[in-house]
Amino acid sequence: MHWYNPMTRSVEDVPAPCTEEEAVEMLSGAPDSGAFAAKYFGLRREGMGVEQAMIFVGHHWRMWHLRYKYVG
């Protein structure tokens, strides 16, 4: 899976998670993990698959991080 990892704020190629548990584990461990997981579960409720939801979570947070990036 090619995605933006919101935890490391970098683009990565990693094996896609197959289960909810694996996806949540990939999003866990950072101060903002709750927000990452909330976005993920919202996308899953809308009908996205695990891998697609993870890619969209990464995209959402990449755009958010760029919006609030200090350019000074």
C-alpha atoms as a PDB file:
ATOM      1  CA  MET A   1       0.000   0.000   0.000  1.00  0.00           C
ATOM      2  CA  HIS A   2       1.376   3.408  -0.969  1.00  0.00           C
ATOM      3  CA  TRP A   3       0.153   5.937   1.562  1.00  0.00           C
ATOM      4  CA  TYR A   4       0.960   8.943   3.712  1.00  0.00           C
ATOM      5  CA  ASN A   5       1.576   7.754   7.258  1.00  0.00           C
ATOM      6  CA  PRO A   6       0.141  10.441   9.554  1.00  0.00           C
ATOM      7  CA  MET A   7       2.204   9.105  12.449  1.00  0.00           C
ATOM      8  CA  THR A   8       5.569   9.675  10.758  1.00  0.00           C
ATOM      9  CA  ARG A   9       4.348  12.378   8.356  1.00  0.00           C
ATOM     10  CA  SER A  10       5.999  10.583   5.456  1.00  0.00           C
ATOM     11  CA  VAL A  11       4.945   8.638   2.369  1.00  0.00           C
ATOM     12  CA  GLU A  12       5.527   4.899   2.663  1.00  0.00           C
ATOM     13  CA  ASP A  13       5.109   1.659   0.771  1.00  0.00           C
ATOM     14  CA  VAL A  14       3.944  -0.915   3.315  1.00  0.00           C
ATOM     15  CA  PRO A  15       1.910  -4.130   3.286  1.00  0.00           C
ATOM     16  CA  ALA A  16      -1.784  -3.267   3.456  1.00  0.00           C
ATOM     17  CA  PRO A  17      -3.631  -4.241   6.629  1.00  0.00           C
ATOM     18  CA  CYS A  18      -6.076  -7.119   6.150  1.00  0.00           C
ATOM     19  CA  THR A  19      -8.164  -6.620   9.277  1.00  0.00           C
ATOM     20  CA  GLU A  20      -9.588  -3.819  11.400  1.00  0.00           C
ATOM     21  CA  GLU A  21      -7.166  -4.765  14.164  1.00  0.00           C
ATOM     22  CA  GLU A  22      -4.129  -4.409  11.903  1.00  0.00           C
ATOM     23  CA  ALA A  23      -5.376  -1.051  10.616  1.00  0.00           C
ATOM     24  CA  VAL A  24      -5.977   0.307  14.117  1.00  0.00           C
ATOM     25  CA  GLU A  25      -2.538  -0.946  15.196  1.00  0.00           C
ATOM     26  CA  MET A  26      -0.944   0.969  12.298  1.00  0.00           C
ATOM     27  CA  LEU A  27      -2.717   4.147  13.468  1.00  0.00           C
ATOM     28  CA  SER A  28      -1.943   3.685  17.171  1.00  0.00           C
ATOM     29  CA  GLY A  29       0.824   5.119  19.303  1.00  0.00           C
ATOM     30  CA  ALA A  30       0.818   8.834  18.519  1.00  0.00           C
ATOM     31  CA  PRO A  31      -0.829  11.664  20.447  1.00  0.00           C
ATOM     32  CA  ASP A  32      -3.285  12.119  17.547  1.00  0.00           C
ATOM     33  CA  SER A  33      -4.096   8.410  17.200  1.00  0.00           C
ATOM     34  CA  GLY A  34      -7.671   8.918  18.335  1.00  0.00           C
ATOM     35  CA  ALA A  35      -8.311  11.402  15.536  1.00  0.00           C
ATOM     36  CA  PHE A  36      -6.676   9.076  12.983  1.00  0.00           C
ATOM     37  CA  ALA A  37      -8.819   6.147  14.129  1.00  0.00           C
ATOM     38  CA  ALA A  38     -12.004   8.255  14.178  1.00  0.00           C
ATOM     39  CA  LYS A  39     -11.429   9.251  10.548  1.00  0.00           C
ATOM     40  CA  TYR A  40     -10.710   5.619   9.651  1.00  0.00           C
ATOM     41  CA  PHE A  41     -13.882   4.285  11.287  1.00  0.00           C
ATOM     42  CA  GLY A  42     -15.965   7.035   9.676  1.00  0.00           C
ATOM     43  CA  LEU A  43     -14.715   5.968   6.249  1.00  0.00           C
ATOM     44  CA  ARG A  44     -15.359   2.307   7.042  1.00  0.00           C
ATOM     45  CA  ARG A  45     -18.956   3.152   8.034  1.00  0.00           C
ATOM     46  CA  GLU A  46     -19.340   4.813   4.625  1.00  0.00           C
ATOM     47  CA  GLY A  47     -18.508   1.456   3.014  1.00  0.00           C
ATOM     48  CA  MET A  48     -14.804   1.700   2.184  1.00  0.00           C
ATOM     49  CA  GLY A  49     -12.616  -1.361   2.436  1.00  0.00           C
ATOM     50  CA  VAL A  50      -9.787  -1.542   4.964  1.00  0.00           C
ATOM     51  CA  GLU A  51      -7.001  -0.653   2.521  1.00  0.00           C
ATOM     52  CA  GLN A  52      -8.960   2.106   0.783  1.00  0.00           C
ATOM     53  CA  ALA A  53      -9.922   3.669   4.131  1.00  0.00           C
ATOM     54  CA  MET A  54      -6.281   3.655   5.246  1.00  0.00           C
ATOM     55  CA  ILE A  55      -5.202   5.398   2.033  1.00  0.00           C
ATOM     56  CA  PHE A  56      -7.941   8.010   2.464  1.00  0.00           C
ATOM     57  CA  VAL A  57      -6.988   8.551   6.126  1.00  0.00           C
ATOM     58  CA  GLY A  58      -3.434   9.200   5.013  1.00  0.00           C
ATOM     59  CA  HIS A  59      -4.600  11.593   2.300  1.00  0.00           C
ATOM     60  CA  HIS A  60      -6.873  13.485   4.705  1.00  0.00           C
ATOM     61  CA  TRP A  61      -4.095  13.998   7.254  1.00  0.00           C
ATOM     62  CA  ARG A  62      -1.533  14.863   4.577  1.00  0.00           C
ATOM     63  CA  MET A  63      -3.772  17.707   3.403  1.00  0.00           C
ATOM     64  CA  TRP A  64      -4.355  18.779   7.021  1.00  0.00           C
ATOM     65  CA  HIS A  65      -0.637  18.776   7.799  1.00  0.00           C
ATOM     66  CA  LEU A  66       0.116  20.811   4.674  1.00  0.00           C
ATOM     67  CA  ARG A  67      -2.587  23.330   5.558  1.00  0.00           C
ATOM     68  CA  TYR A  68      -1.054  23.997   8.970  1.00  0.00           C
ATOM     69  CA  LYS A  69       2.624  23.677   8.023  1.00  0.00           C
ATOM     70  CA  TYR A  70       4.814  26.493   9.265  1.00  0.00           C
ATOM     71  CA  VAL A  71       6.432  28.144   6.252  1.00  0.00           C
ATOM     72  CA  GLY A  72       8.227  30.946   8.102  1.00  0.00           C
END
